[in-house]
PDB file of N, CA and C in Angstrom:
ATOM      1  N   UNK A   1     -74.365  86.145  37.311  1.00  0.00           N
ATOM      2  CA  UNK A   1     -72.950  85.997  37.009  1.00  0.00           C
ATOM      3  C   UNK A   1     -72.749  85.526  35.573  1.00  0.00           C
ATOM      4  N   UNK A   2     -73.613  84.605  35.115  1.00  0.00           N
ATOM      5  CA  UNK A   2     -73.473  84.093  33.748  1.00  0.00           C
ATOM      6  C   UNK A   2     -73.744  85.196  32.733  1.00  0.00           C
ATOM      7  N   UNK A   3     -74.691  86.079  33.018  1.00  0.00           N
ATOM      8  CA  UNK A   3     -75.000  87.188  32.111  1.00  0.00           C
ATOM      9  C   UNK A   3     -73.821  88.146  32.018  1.00  0.00           C
ATOM     10  N   UNK A   4     -73.189  88.403  33.125  1.00  0.00           N
ATOM     11  CA  UNK A   4     -72.027  89.293  33.151  1.00  0.00           C
ATOM     12  C   UNK A   4     -70.887  88.698  32.335  1.00  0.00           C
ATOM     13  N   UNK A   5     -70.671  87.416  32.436  1.00  0.00           N
ATOM     14  CA  UNK A   5     -69.632  86.741  31.665  1.00  0.00           C
ATOM     15  C   UNK A   5     -69.928  86.817  30.175  1.00  0.00           C
ATOM     16  N   UNK A   6     -71.188  86.640  29.802  1.00  0.00           N
ATOM     17  CA  UNK A   6     -71.572  86.715  28.391  1.00  0.00           C
ATOM     18  C   UNK A   6     -71.361  88.128  27.841  1.00  0.00           C
ATOM     19  N   UNK A   7     -71.726  89.127  28.639  1.00  0.00           N
ATOM     20  CA  UNK A   7     -71.540  90.510  28.201  1.00  0.00           C
ATOM     21  C   UNK A   7     -70.057  90.816  28.019  1.00  0.00           C
ATOM     22  N   UNK A   8     -69.246  90.402  28.960  1.00  0.00           N
ATOM     23  CA  UNK A   8     -67.795  90.622  28.859  1.00  0.00           C
ATOM     24  C   UNK A   8     -67.224  89.904  27.645  1.00  0.00           C
ATOM     25  N   UNK A   9     -67.673  88.686  27.399  1.00  0.00           N
ATOM     26  CA  UNK A   9     -67.200  87.929  26.236  1.00  0.00           C
ATOM     27  C   UNK A   9     -67.605  88.621  24.941  1.00  0.00           C
ATOM     28  N   UNK A  10     -68.847  89.133  24.894  1.00  0.00           N
ATOM     29  CA  UNK A  10     -69.326  89.827  23.712  1.00  0.00           C
ATOM     30  C   UNK A  10     -68.518  91.097  23.458  1.00  0.00           C
ATOM     31  N   UNK A  11     -68.284  91.880  24.492  1.00  0.00           N
ATOM     32  CA  UNK A  11     -67.518  93.119  24.362  1.00  0.00           C
ATOM     33  C   UNK A  11     -66.085  92.811  23.909  1.00  0.00           C
ATOM     34  N   UNK A  12     -65.481  91.807  24.477  1.00  0.00           N
ATOM     35  CA  UNK A  12     -64.130  91.413  24.091  1.00  0.00           C
ATOM     36  C   UNK A  12     -64.083  90.960  22.635  1.00  0.00           C
ATOM     37  N   UNK A  13     -65.076  90.205  22.208  1.00  0.00           N
ATOM     38  CA  UNK A  13     -65.128  89.744  20.821  1.00  0.00           C
ATOM     39  C   UNK A  13     -65.281  90.916  19.860  1.00  0.00           C
ATOM     40  N   UNK A  14     -66.129  91.877  20.204  1.00  0.00           N
ATOM     41  CA  UNK A  14     -66.331  93.044  19.342  1.00  0.00           C
ATOM     42  C   UNK A  14     -65.075  93.899  19.277  1.00  0.00           C
ATOM     43  N   UNK A  15     -64.389  94.071  20.370  1.00  0.00           N
ATOM     44  CA  UNK A  15     -63.144  94.846  20.378  1.00  0.00           C
ATOM     45  C   UNK A  15     -62.087  94.148  19.536  1.00  0.00           C
ATOM     46  N   UNK A  16     -61.989  92.846  19.660  1.00  0.00           N
ATOM     47  CA  UNK A  16     -61.031  92.073  18.867  1.00  0.00           C
ATOM     48  C   UNK A  16     -61.339  92.198  17.383  1.00  0.00           C
ATOM     49  N   UNK A  17     -62.612  92.121  17.034  1.00  0.00           N
ATOM     50  CA  UNK A  17     -63.014  92.260  15.634  1.00  0.00           C
ATOM     51  C   UNK A  17     -62.643  93.638  15.098  1.00  0.00           C
ATOM     52  N   UNK A  18     -62.890  94.673  15.867  1.00  0.00           N
ATOM     53  CA  UNK A  18     -62.592  96.037  15.434  1.00  0.00           C
ATOM     54  C   UNK A  18     -61.098  96.234  15.215  1.00  0.00           C
ATOM     55  N   UNK A  19     -60.296  95.705  16.114  1.00  0.00           N
ATOM     56  CA  UNK A  19     -58.841  95.848  15.995  1.00  0.00           C
ATOM     57  C   UNK A  19     -58.319  95.026  14.822  1.00  0.00           C
ATOM     58  N   UNK A  20     -58.741  93.781  14.720  1.00  0.00           N
ATOM     59  CA  UNK A  20     -58.220  92.903  13.672  1.00  0.00           C
ATOM     60  C   UNK A  20     -58.729  93.263  12.282  1.00  0.00           C
ATOM     61  N   UNK A  21     -59.883  93.851  12.175  1.00  0.00           N
ATOM     62  CA  UNK A  21     -60.401  94.196  10.845  1.00  0.00           C
ATOM     63  C   UNK A  21     -59.500  95.215  10.164  1.00  0.00           C
ATOM     64  N   UNK A  22     -58.880  96.083  10.936  1.00  0.00           N
ATOM     65  CA  UNK A  22     -57.937  97.042  10.363  1.00  0.00           C
ATOM     66  C   UNK A  22     -56.672  96.373   9.865  1.00  0.00           C
ATOM     67  N   UNK A  23     -56.244  95.316  10.511  1.00  0.00           N
ATOM     68  CA  UNK A  23     -55.028  94.614  10.126  1.00  0.00           C
ATOM     69  C   UNK A  23     -55.267  93.610   8.996  1.00  0.00           C
ATOM     70  N   UNK A  24     -56.468  93.143   8.833  1.00  0.00           N
ATOM     71  CA  UNK A  24     -56.758  92.084   7.876  1.00  0.00           C
ATOM     72  C   UNK A  24     -57.238  92.605   6.525  1.00  0.00           C
ATOM     73  N   UNK A  25     -57.477  93.884   6.400  1.00  0.00           N
ATOM     74  CA  UNK A  25     -58.030  94.402   5.152  1.00  0.00           C
ATOM     75  C   UNK A  25     -56.900  94.825   4.217  1.00  0.00           C
ATOM     76  N   UNK A  26     -56.699  94.060   3.179  1.00  0.00           N
ATOM     77  CA  UNK A  26     -55.694  94.392   2.168  1.00  0.00           C
ATOM     78  C   UNK A  26     -56.324  95.309   1.135  1.00  0.00           C
ATOM     79  N   UNK A  27     -55.522  96.193   0.560  1.00  0.00           N
ATOM     80  CA  UNK A  27     -56.003  97.120  -0.446  1.00  0.00           C
ATOM     81  C   UNK A  27     -55.321  96.834  -1.778  1.00  0.00           C
ATOM     82  N   UNK A  28     -55.991  97.232  -2.845  1.00  0.00           N
ATOM     83  CA  UNK A  28     -55.431  97.106  -4.191  1.00  0.00           C
ATOM     84  C   UNK A  28     -55.220  98.519  -4.722  1.00  0.00           C
ATOM     85  N   UNK A  29     -53.988  98.812  -5.124  1.00  0.00           N
ATOM     86  CA  UNK A  29     -53.648 100.123  -5.662  1.00  0.00           C
ATOM     87  C   UNK A  29     -53.275  99.992  -7.132  1.00  0.00           C
ATOM     88  N   UNK A  30     -53.875 100.804  -7.973  1.00  0.00           N
ATOM     89  CA  UNK A  30     -53.486 100.884  -9.379  1.00  0.00           C
ATOM     90  C   UNK A  30     -52.406 101.953  -9.462  1.00  0.00           C
ATOM     91  N   UNK A  31     -51.177 101.542  -9.760  1.00  0.00           N
ATOM     92  CA  UNK A  31     -50.052 102.464  -9.788  1.00  0.00           C
ATOM     93  C   UNK A  31     -50.281 103.508 -10.878  1.00  0.00           C
ATOM     94  N   UNK A  32     -50.206 104.781 -10.504  1.00  0.00           N
ATOM     95  CA  UNK A  32     -50.431 105.866 -11.441  1.00  0.00           C
ATOM     96  C   UNK A  32     -51.882 106.248 -11.605  1.00  0.00           C
ATOM     97  N   UNK A  33     -52.767 105.605 -10.852  1.00  0.00           N
ATOM     98  CA  UNK A  33     -54.217 105.853 -10.917  1.00  0.00           C
ATOM     99  C   UNK A  33     -54.737 105.752 -12.349  1.00  0.00           C
ATOM    100  N   UNK A  34     -55.427 106.763 -12.846  1.00  0.00           N
ATOM    101  CA  UNK A  34     -56.075 106.657 -14.163  1.00  0.00           C
ATOM    102  C   UNK A  34     -55.076 106.627 -15.317  1.00  0.00           C
ATOM    103  N   UNK A  35     -53.884 107.186 -15.130  1.00  0.00           N
ATOM    104  CA  UNK A  35     -52.867 107.170 -16.197  1.00  0.00           C
ATOM    105  C   UNK A  35     -52.168 105.821 -16.311  1.00  0.00           C
ATOM    106  N   UNK A  36     -52.199 105.044 -15.270  1.00  0.00           N
ATOM    107  CA  UNK A  36     -51.499 103.768 -15.277  1.00  0.00           C
ATOM    108  C   UNK A  36     -49.987 103.952 -15.193  1.00  0.00           C
ATOM    109  N   UNK A  37     -49.274 102.899 -15.476  1.00  0.00           N
ATOM    110  CA  UNK A  37     -47.815 102.894 -15.408  1.00  0.00           C
ATOM    111  C   UNK A  37     -47.275 103.551 -16.670  1.00  0.00           C
ATOM    112  N   UNK A  38     -46.524 104.620 -16.499  1.00  0.00           N
ATOM    113  CA  UNK A  38     -45.933 105.327 -17.633  1.00  0.00           C
ATOM    114  C   UNK A  38     -44.434 105.479 -17.401  1.00  0.00           C
ATOM    115  N   UNK A  39     -43.735 105.990 -18.387  1.00  0.00           N
ATOM    116  CA  UNK A  39     -42.286 106.159 -18.291  1.00  0.00           C
ATOM    117  C   UNK A  39     -41.905 107.562 -17.838  1.00  0.00           C
ATOM    118  N   UNK A  40     -42.766 108.239 -17.130  1.00  0.00           N
ATOM    119  CA  UNK A  40     -42.482 109.590 -16.654  1.00  0.00           C
ATOM    120  C   UNK A  40     -41.595 109.538 -15.419  1.00  0.00           C
ATOM    121  N   UNK A  41     -40.619 110.447 -15.366  1.00  0.00           N
ATOM    122  CA  UNK A  41     -39.714 110.505 -14.220  1.00  0.00           C
ATOM    123  C   UNK A  41     -40.388 111.168 -13.024  1.00  0.00           C
ATOM    124  N   UNK A  42     -40.117 110.659 -11.853  1.00  0.00           N
ATOM    125  CA  UNK A  42     -40.546 111.232 -10.575  1.00  0.00           C
ATOM    126  C   UNK A  42     -42.055 111.397 -10.411  1.00  0.00           C
ATOM    127  N   UNK A  43     -42.851 110.783 -11.243  1.00  0.00           N
ATOM    128  CA  UNK A  43     -44.309 110.866 -11.112  1.00  0.00           C
ATOM    129  C   UNK A  43     -44.788 110.031  -9.930  1.00  0.00           C
ATOM    130  N   UNK A  44     -44.129 108.951  -9.635  1.00  0.00           N
ATOM    131  CA  UNK A  44     -44.636 107.995  -8.661  1.00  0.00           C
ATOM    132  C   UNK A  44     -44.407 108.417  -7.218  1.00  0.00           C
ATOM    133  N   UNK A  45     -43.435 109.284  -6.978  1.00  0.00           N
ATOM    134  CA  UNK A  45     -43.301 109.836  -5.626  1.00  0.00           C
ATOM    135  C   UNK A  45     -44.543 110.657  -5.290  1.00  0.00           C
ATOM    136  N   UNK A  46     -44.946 111.514  -6.225  1.00  0.00           N
ATOM    137  CA  UNK A  46     -46.141 112.334  -6.007  1.00  0.00           C
ATOM    138  C   UNK A  46     -47.383 111.449  -5.916  1.00  0.00           C
ATOM    139  N   UNK A  47     -47.458 110.403  -6.744  1.00  0.00           N
ATOM    140  CA  UNK A  47     -48.612 109.504  -6.709  1.00  0.00           C
ATOM    141  C   UNK A  47     -48.736 108.833  -5.345  1.00  0.00           C
ATOM    142  N   UNK A  48     -47.619 108.368  -4.805  1.00  0.00           N
ATOM    143  CA  UNK A  48     -47.648 107.670  -3.514  1.00  0.00           C
ATOM    144  C   UNK A  48     -48.005 108.618  -2.371  1.00  0.00           C
ATOM    145  N   UNK A  49     -47.662 109.892  -2.518  1.00  0.00           N
ATOM    146  CA  UNK A  49     -47.961 110.856  -1.463  1.00  0.00           C
ATOM    147  C   UNK A  49     -49.405 111.347  -1.503  1.00  0.00           C
ATOM    148  N   UNK A  50     -50.075 111.293  -2.668  1.00  0.00           N
ATOM    149  CA  UNK A  50     -51.450 111.767  -2.731  1.00  0.00           C
ATOM    150  C   UNK A  50     -52.348 110.863  -1.901  1.00  0.00           C
ATOM    151  N   UNK A  51     -53.279 111.445  -1.243  1.00  0.00           N
ATOM    152  CA  UNK A  51     -54.218 110.731  -0.367  1.00  0.00           C
ATOM    153  C   UNK A  51     -53.497 109.966   0.737  1.00  0.00           C
ATOM    154  N   UNK A  52     -52.254 110.348   1.008  1.00  0.00           N
ATOM    155  CA  UNK A  52     -51.468 109.738   2.084  1.00  0.00           C
ATOM    156  C   UNK A  52     -51.449 108.213   1.981  1.00  0.00           C
ATOM    157  N   UNK A  53     -51.082 107.707   0.802  1.00  0.00           N
ATOM    158  CA  UNK A  53     -51.058 106.255   0.607  1.00  0.00           C
ATOM    159  C   UNK A  53     -50.033 105.629   1.551  1.00  0.00           C
ATOM    160  N   UNK A  54     -50.465 104.604   2.230  1.00  0.00           N
ATOM    161  CA  UNK A  54     -49.599 103.868   3.139  1.00  0.00           C
ATOM    162  C   UNK A  54     -49.757 102.395   2.812  1.00  0.00           C
ATOM    163  N   UNK A  55     -48.684 101.764   2.376  1.00  0.00           N
ATOM    164  CA  UNK A  55     -48.735 100.380   1.917  1.00  0.00           C
ATOM    165  C   UNK A  55     -48.399  99.432   3.062  1.00  0.00           C
ATOM    166  N   UNK A  56     -49.098  98.301   3.069  1.00  0.00           N
ATOM    167  CA  UNK A  56     -48.914  97.307   4.122  1.00  0.00           C
ATOM    168  C   UNK A  56     -48.734  95.925   3.491  1.00  0.00           C
ATOM    169  N   UNK A  57     -48.277  94.993   4.311  1.00  0.00           N
ATOM    170  CA  UNK A  57     -48.162  93.607   3.876  1.00  0.00           C
ATOM    171  C   UNK A  57     -49.531  93.135   3.408  1.00  0.00           C
ATOM    172  N   UNK A  58     -49.590  92.422   2.326  1.00  0.00           N
ATOM    173  CA  UNK A  58     -50.773  91.868   1.667  1.00  0.00           C
ATOM    174  C   UNK A  58     -51.501  92.865   0.770  1.00  0.00           C
ATOM    175  N   UNK A  59     -51.070  94.139   0.735  1.00  0.00           N
ATOM    176  CA  UNK A  59     -51.616  95.066  -0.258  1.00  0.00           C
ATOM    177  C   UNK A  59     -51.099  94.643  -1.627  1.00  0.00           C
ATOM    178  N   UNK A  60     -51.827  95.011  -2.664  1.00  0.00           N
ATOM    179  CA  UNK A  60     -51.407  94.682  -4.031  1.00  0.00           C
ATOM    180  C   UNK A  60     -51.210  95.962  -4.826  1.00  0.00           C
ATOM    181  N   UNK A  61     -50.150  95.975  -5.626  1.00  0.00           N
ATOM    182  CA  UNK A  61     -49.896  97.066  -6.551  1.00  0.00           C
ATOM    183  C   UNK A  61     -50.113  96.535  -7.958  1.00  0.00           C
ATOM    184  N   UNK A  62     -51.003  97.167  -8.708  1.00  0.00           N
ATOM    185  CA  UNK A  62     -51.321  96.742 -10.062  1.00  0.00           C
ATOM    186  C   UNK A  62     -50.648  97.717 -11.027  1.00  0.00           C
ATOM    187  N   UNK A  63     -49.823  97.185 -11.931  1.00  0.00           N
ATOM    188  CA  UNK A  63     -49.129  97.994 -12.920  1.00  0.00           C
ATOM    189  C   UNK A  63     -49.787  97.769 -14.270  1.00  0.00           C
ATOM    190  N   UNK A  64     -50.658  98.703 -14.674  1.00  0.00           N
ATOM    191  CA  UNK A  64     -51.262  98.629 -16.000  1.00  0.00           C
ATOM    192  C   UNK A  64     -50.391  99.463 -16.928  1.00  0.00           C
ATOM    193  N   UNK A  65     -50.046  98.908 -18.093  1.00  0.00           N
ATOM    194  CA  UNK A  65     -49.113  99.586 -18.996  1.00  0.00           C
ATOM    195  C   UNK A  65     -49.534  99.359 -20.436  1.00  0.00           C
ATOM    196  N   UNK A  66     -48.974 100.166 -21.317  1.00  0.00           N
ATOM    197  CA  UNK A  66     -49.235 100.056 -22.753  1.00  0.00           C
ATOM    198  C   UNK A  66     -48.273  99.017 -23.332  1.00  0.00           C
ATOM    199  N   UNK A  67     -48.758  97.855 -23.760  1.00  0.00           N
ATOM    200  CA  UNK A  67     -47.873  96.795 -24.255  1.00  0.00           C
ATOM    201  C   UNK A  67     -47.128  97.163 -25.541  1.00  0.00           C
ATOM    202  N   UNK A  68     -47.558  98.210 -26.233  1.00  0.00           N
ATOM    203  CA  UNK A  68     -46.811  98.620 -27.425  1.00  0.00           C
ATOM    204  C   UNK A  68     -45.559  99.417 -27.047  1.00  0.00           C
ATOM    205  N   UNK A  69     -45.488  99.880 -25.788  1.00  0.00           N
ATOM    206  CA  UNK A  69     -44.332 100.655 -25.327  1.00  0.00           C
ATOM    207  C   UNK A  69     -43.480  99.851 -24.349  1.00  0.00           C
ATOM    208  N   UNK A  70     -44.122  99.097 -23.457  1.00  0.00           N
ATOM    209  CA  UNK A  70     -43.438  98.350 -22.404  1.00  0.00           C
ATOM    210  C   UNK A  70     -43.753  96.866 -22.514  1.00  0.00           C
ATOM    211  N   UNK A  71     -42.944  96.055 -21.839  1.00  0.00           N
ATOM    212  CA  UNK A  71     -43.231  94.631 -21.759  1.00  0.00           C
ATOM    213  C   UNK A  71     -42.798  94.109 -20.396  1.00  0.00           C
ATOM    214  N   UNK A  72     -43.132  92.872 -20.131  1.00  0.00           N
ATOM    215  CA  UNK A  72     -42.807  92.239 -18.854  1.00  0.00           C
ATOM    216  C   UNK A  72     -42.075  90.941 -19.140  1.00  0.00           C
ATOM    217  N   UNK A  73     -40.985  90.731 -18.432  1.00  0.00           N
ATOM    218  CA  UNK A  73     -40.231  89.493 -18.556  1.00  0.00           C
ATOM    219  C   UNK A  73     -40.018  88.929 -17.163  1.00  0.00           C
ATOM    220  N   UNK A  74     -40.367  87.684 -16.964  1.00  0.00           N
ATOM    221  CA  UNK A  74     -40.181  87.060 -15.673  1.00  0.00           C
ATOM    222  C   UNK A  74     -38.764  86.496 -15.591  1.00  0.00           C
ATOM    223  N   UNK A  75     -38.082  86.786 -14.501  1.00  0.00           N
ATOM    224  CA  UNK A  75     -36.741  86.265 -14.268  1.00  0.00           C
ATOM    225  C   UNK A  75     -36.759  85.425 -12.999  1.00  0.00           C
ATOM    226  N   UNK A  76     -35.862  84.462 -12.923  1.00  0.00           N
ATOM    227  CA  UNK A  76     -35.893  83.552 -11.777  1.00  0.00           C
ATOM    228  C   UNK A  76     -34.980  83.996 -10.634  1.00  0.00           C
ATOM    229  N   UNK A  77     -33.975  84.821 -10.906  1.00  0.00           N
ATOM    230  CA  UNK A  77     -33.107  85.293  -9.829  1.00  0.00           C
ATOM    231  C   UNK A  77     -32.441  86.609 -10.250  1.00  0.00           C
ATOM    232  N   UNK A  78     -31.716  87.197  -9.332  1.00  0.00           N
ATOM    233  CA  UNK A  78     -31.111  88.515  -9.555  1.00  0.00           C
ATOM    234  C   UNK A  78     -30.061  88.481 -10.661  1.00  0.00           C
ATOM    235  N   UNK A  79     -29.330  87.380 -10.801  1.00  0.00           N
ATOM    236  CA  UNK A  79     -28.306  87.291 -11.860  1.00  0.00           C
ATOM    237  C   UNK A  79     -28.921  87.304 -13.252  1.00  0.00           C
ATOM    238  N   UNK A  80     -30.083  86.713 -13.384  1.00  0.00           N
ATOM    239  CA  UNK A  80     -30.764  86.683 -14.675  1.00  0.00           C
ATOM    240  C   UNK A  80     -31.249  88.078 -15.054  1.00  0.00           C
ATOM    241  N   UNK A  81     -31.573  88.893 -14.046  1.00  0.00           N
ATOM    242  CA  UNK A  81     -32.047  90.253 -14.288  1.00  0.00           C
ATOM    243  C   UNK A  81     -30.930  91.050 -14.938  1.00  0.00           C
TER     244      UNK A  81
END
């Protein structure tokens, strides 16, 4: 009986690991892939559709850009934007 309980516990643990590993793995996406972030119109719809990209909570989007063309400004709220 103890062996059966251990086997059931092991199987349950492995199933839980398999299910949760899919939910716990965050991905990092470089927006625009090798071109990076550019000022091209409608490029990003096609980028998001390639390879069937599906974004989830905890995924990261990295925006690499040319600082001589673009810049980043941090704002504290929507009114400041």
